Amino acid sequence: MVDKEDMIEGFEELYSNLKMELMSNSADIKGNRQMFGQVQGFFMAMRMVVPLDMEEVEYVENRLRALEERLV
């Protein structure tokens, strides 16, 4: 069984890596979009594997939305 805390830690690591990449290398739009897709995919997989309450889901979705706005 997958540990919820490990999954959340993994998501946070991917998220922070993407956020740093967006701040330091905003010109690489293709690479940044690819990383964003990986973060979104990880979140979707996490939702299927571990039980998340609605507050956790909304929190992550809001964070993803904020990053997506930086990609445009």
N, C-alpha and C. Protein backbone atom coordinates (compact mmCIF):
# COMPACT_ATOMS: atom_id res chain seq x y z
N MET A 1 0.84 -1.18 0.00
CA MET A 1 0.00 0.00 0.00
C MET A 1 0.88 1.25 0.00
N VAL A 2 0.45 2.23 -0.74
CA VAL A 2 1.19 3.48 -0.85
C VAL A 2 0.84 4.39 0.32
N ASP A 3 1.85 5.01 0.88
CA ASP A 3 1.65 5.92 2.00
C ASP A 3 1.24 7.30 1.49
N LYS A 4 0.18 7.83 2.05
CA LYS A 4 -0.35 9.13 1.63
C LYS A 4 0.70 10.23 1.81
N GLU A 5 1.40 10.21 2.92
CA GLU A 5 2.41 11.24 3.18
C GLU A 5 3.54 11.19 2.16
N ASP A 6 3.95 9.99 1.76
CA ASP A 6 4.98 9.86 0.73
C ASP A 6 4.51 10.43 -0.60
N MET A 7 3.26 10.18 -0.95
CA MET A 7 2.71 10.70 -2.19
C MET A 7 2.64 12.23 -2.14
N ILE A 8 2.22 12.77 -1.03
CA ILE A 8 2.14 14.22 -0.89
C ILE A 8 3.53 14.84 -0.97
N GLU A 9 4.50 14.20 -0.33
CA GLU A 9 5.89 14.67 -0.39
C GLU A 9 6.40 14.66 -1.83
N GLY A 10 6.09 13.60 -2.55
CA GLY A 10 6.50 13.50 -3.95
C GLY A 10 5.89 14.60 -4.79
N PHE A 11 4.61 14.87 -4.55
CA PHE A 11 3.95 15.95 -5.28
C PHE A 11 4.60 17.29 -4.95
N GLU A 12 4.84 17.54 -3.68
CA GLU A 12 5.44 18.82 -3.26
C GLU A 12 6.81 19.01 -3.90
N GLU A 13 7.57 17.93 -4.00
CA GLU A 13 8.90 18.02 -4.61
C GLU A 13 8.78 18.38 -6.09
N LEU A 14 7.90 17.69 -6.82
CA LEU A 14 7.69 18.00 -8.23
C LEU A 14 7.19 19.43 -8.40
N TYR A 15 6.25 19.82 -7.57
CA TYR A 15 5.67 21.16 -7.64
C TYR A 15 6.75 22.23 -7.42
N SER A 16 7.56 22.06 -6.39
CA SER A 16 8.57 23.08 -6.10
C SER A 16 9.64 23.12 -7.18
N ASN A 17 9.98 21.96 -7.76
CA ASN A 17 10.93 21.95 -8.87
C ASN A 17 10.39 22.73 -10.06
N LEU A 18 9.13 22.53 -10.39
CA LEU A 18 8.52 23.25 -11.49
C LEU A 18 8.45 24.75 -11.19
N LYS A 19 8.09 25.09 -9.98
CA LYS A 19 7.99 26.50 -9.61
C LYS A 19 9.36 27.19 -9.74
N MET A 20 10.41 26.53 -9.27
CA MET A 20 11.76 27.09 -9.41
C MET A 20 12.15 27.21 -10.88
N GLU A 21 11.82 26.21 -11.66
CA GLU A 21 12.14 26.23 -13.09
C GLU A 21 11.42 27.38 -13.78
N LEU A 22 10.17 27.61 -13.44
CA LEU A 22 9.41 28.71 -14.03
C LEU A 22 10.03 30.07 -13.68
N MET A 23 10.54 30.19 -12.47
CA MET A 23 11.14 31.45 -12.06
C MET A 23 12.49 31.68 -12.71
N SER A 24 13.26 30.61 -12.90
CA SER A 24 14.61 30.77 -13.41
C SER A 24 14.71 30.64 -14.93
N ASN A 25 13.78 29.92 -15.55
CA ASN A 25 13.91 29.65 -16.98
C ASN A 25 12.55 29.76 -17.66
N SER A 26 11.96 30.92 -17.60
CA SER A 26 10.62 31.09 -18.15
C SER A 26 10.61 31.06 -19.68
N ALA A 27 11.77 31.15 -20.32
CA ALA A 27 11.83 31.14 -21.78
C ALA A 27 11.60 29.75 -22.36
N ASP A 28 11.87 28.70 -21.60
CA ASP A 28 11.71 27.33 -22.09
C ASP A 28 10.26 26.88 -21.91
N ILE A 29 9.39 27.41 -22.74
CA ILE A 29 7.95 27.14 -22.59
C ILE A 29 7.63 25.67 -22.81
N LYS A 30 8.24 25.06 -23.82
CA LYS A 30 7.96 23.65 -24.10
C LYS A 30 8.36 22.76 -22.92
N GLY A 31 9.55 22.97 -22.40
CA GLY A 31 10.02 22.19 -21.26
C GLY A 31 9.18 22.42 -20.02
N ASN A 32 8.80 23.67 -19.81
CA ASN A 32 7.98 23.99 -18.64
C ASN A 32 6.60 23.36 -18.74
N ARG A 33 6.02 23.35 -19.94
CA ARG A 33 4.71 22.72 -20.13
C ARG A 33 4.81 21.21 -19.91
N GLN A 34 5.93 20.64 -20.34
CA GLN A 34 6.13 19.20 -20.13
C GLN A 34 6.22 18.89 -18.64
N MET A 35 6.97 19.70 -17.92
CA MET A 35 7.07 19.50 -16.46
C MET A 35 5.72 19.69 -15.79
N PHE A 36 4.95 20.68 -16.26
CA PHE A 36 3.62 20.91 -15.70
C PHE A 36 2.74 19.69 -15.93
N GLY A 37 2.84 19.08 -17.10
CA GLY A 37 2.08 17.86 -17.39
C GLY A 37 2.46 16.73 -16.45
N GLN A 38 3.75 16.64 -16.11
CA GLN A 38 4.20 15.61 -15.18
C GLN A 38 3.61 15.84 -13.79
N VAL A 39 3.59 17.09 -13.36
CA VAL A 39 3.03 17.41 -12.05
C VAL A 39 1.53 17.10 -12.03
N GLN A 40 0.82 17.49 -13.09
CA GLN A 40 -0.61 17.19 -13.17
C GLN A 40 -0.85 15.68 -13.18
N GLY A 41 -0.04 14.95 -13.96
CA GLY A 41 -0.19 13.50 -14.03
C GLY A 41 0.06 12.84 -12.69
N PHE A 42 1.06 13.31 -11.97
CA PHE A 42 1.34 12.76 -10.65
C PHE A 42 0.16 12.99 -9.72
N PHE A 43 -0.43 14.18 -9.79
CA PHE A 43 -1.59 14.48 -8.95
C PHE A 43 -2.77 13.57 -9.30
N MET A 44 -3.00 13.36 -10.59
CA MET A 44 -4.11 12.49 -10.98
C MET A 44 -3.87 11.06 -10.49
N ALA A 45 -2.63 10.59 -10.61
CA ALA A 45 -2.31 9.25 -10.12
C ALA A 45 -2.46 9.18 -8.60
N MET A 46 -2.03 10.23 -7.93
CA MET A 46 -2.13 10.28 -6.47
C MET A 46 -3.59 10.18 -6.04
N ARG A 47 -4.47 10.86 -6.76
CA ARG A 47 -5.90 10.83 -6.41
C ARG A 47 -6.48 9.43 -6.57
N MET A 48 -5.95 8.65 -7.49
CA MET A 48 -6.46 7.30 -7.71
C MET A 48 -5.90 6.31 -6.69
N VAL A 49 -4.74 6.62 -6.13
CA VAL A 49 -4.05 5.67 -5.26
C VAL A 49 -4.32 5.91 -3.77
N VAL A 50 -4.35 7.16 -3.37
CA VAL A 50 -4.56 7.47 -1.95
C VAL A 50 -5.82 8.31 -1.77
N PRO A 51 -6.51 8.11 -0.65
CA PRO A 51 -7.72 8.91 -0.40
C PRO A 51 -7.35 10.34 0.00
N LEU A 52 -7.90 11.29 -0.73
CA LEU A 52 -7.69 12.70 -0.41
C LEU A 52 -9.05 13.32 -0.08
N ASP A 53 -9.07 14.18 0.93
CA ASP A 53 -10.34 14.85 1.21
C ASP A 53 -10.48 16.06 0.27
N MET A 54 -11.66 16.63 0.22
CA MET A 54 -11.93 17.71 -0.72
C MET A 54 -11.05 18.94 -0.49
N GLU A 55 -10.71 19.22 0.76
CA GLU A 55 -9.83 20.36 1.04
C GLU A 55 -8.46 20.16 0.42
N GLU A 56 -7.93 18.94 0.52
CA GLU A 56 -6.62 18.65 -0.08
C GLU A 56 -6.68 18.77 -1.59
N VAL A 57 -7.75 18.26 -2.18
CA VAL A 57 -7.91 18.32 -3.63
C VAL A 57 -8.00 19.77 -4.09
N GLU A 58 -8.82 20.57 -3.43
CA GLU A 58 -8.97 21.98 -3.80
C GLU A 58 -7.66 22.74 -3.64
N TYR A 59 -6.93 22.44 -2.57
CA TYR A 59 -5.64 23.10 -2.32
C TYR A 59 -4.68 22.84 -3.48
N VAL A 60 -4.57 21.58 -3.87
CA VAL A 60 -3.66 21.23 -4.95
C VAL A 60 -4.13 21.81 -6.28
N GLU A 61 -5.42 21.73 -6.55
CA GLU A 61 -5.95 22.28 -7.80
C GLU A 61 -5.70 23.79 -7.89
N ASN A 62 -5.83 24.50 -6.79
CA ASN A 62 -5.55 25.94 -6.79
C ASN A 62 -4.07 26.22 -7.05
N ARG A 63 -3.20 25.41 -6.48
CA ARG A 63 -1.76 25.59 -6.71
C ARG A 63 -1.41 25.30 -8.16
N LEU A 64 -2.02 24.26 -8.72
CA LEU A 64 -1.77 23.94 -10.13
C LEU A 64 -2.29 25.06 -11.04
N ARG A 65 -3.44 25.58 -10.73
CA ARG A 65 -4.01 26.68 -11.53
C ARG A 65 -3.08 27.89 -11.51
N ALA A 66 -2.53 28.21 -10.35
CA ALA A 66 -1.61 29.35 -10.24
C ALA A 66 -0.37 29.13 -11.09
N LEU A 67 0.15 27.91 -11.10
CA LEU A 67 1.32 27.63 -11.94
C LEU A 67 0.97 27.68 -13.41
N GLU A 68 -0.19 27.17 -13.75
CA GLU A 68 -0.61 27.16 -15.15
C GLU A 68 -0.72 28.58 -15.69
N GLU A 69 -1.15 29.50 -14.86
CA GLU A 69 -1.24 30.90 -15.27
C GLU A 69 0.13 31.48 -15.59
N ARG A 70 1.15 30.99 -14.92
CA ARG A 70 2.52 31.46 -15.20
C ARG A 70 3.05 30.93 -16.52
N LEU A 71 2.48 29.85 -17.00
CA LEU A 71 2.95 29.26 -18.26
C LEU A 71 2.48 30.06 -19.47
N VAL A 72 1.43 30.83 -19.31
CA VAL A 72 0.84 31.54 -20.45
C VAL A 72 1.62 32.79 -20.78
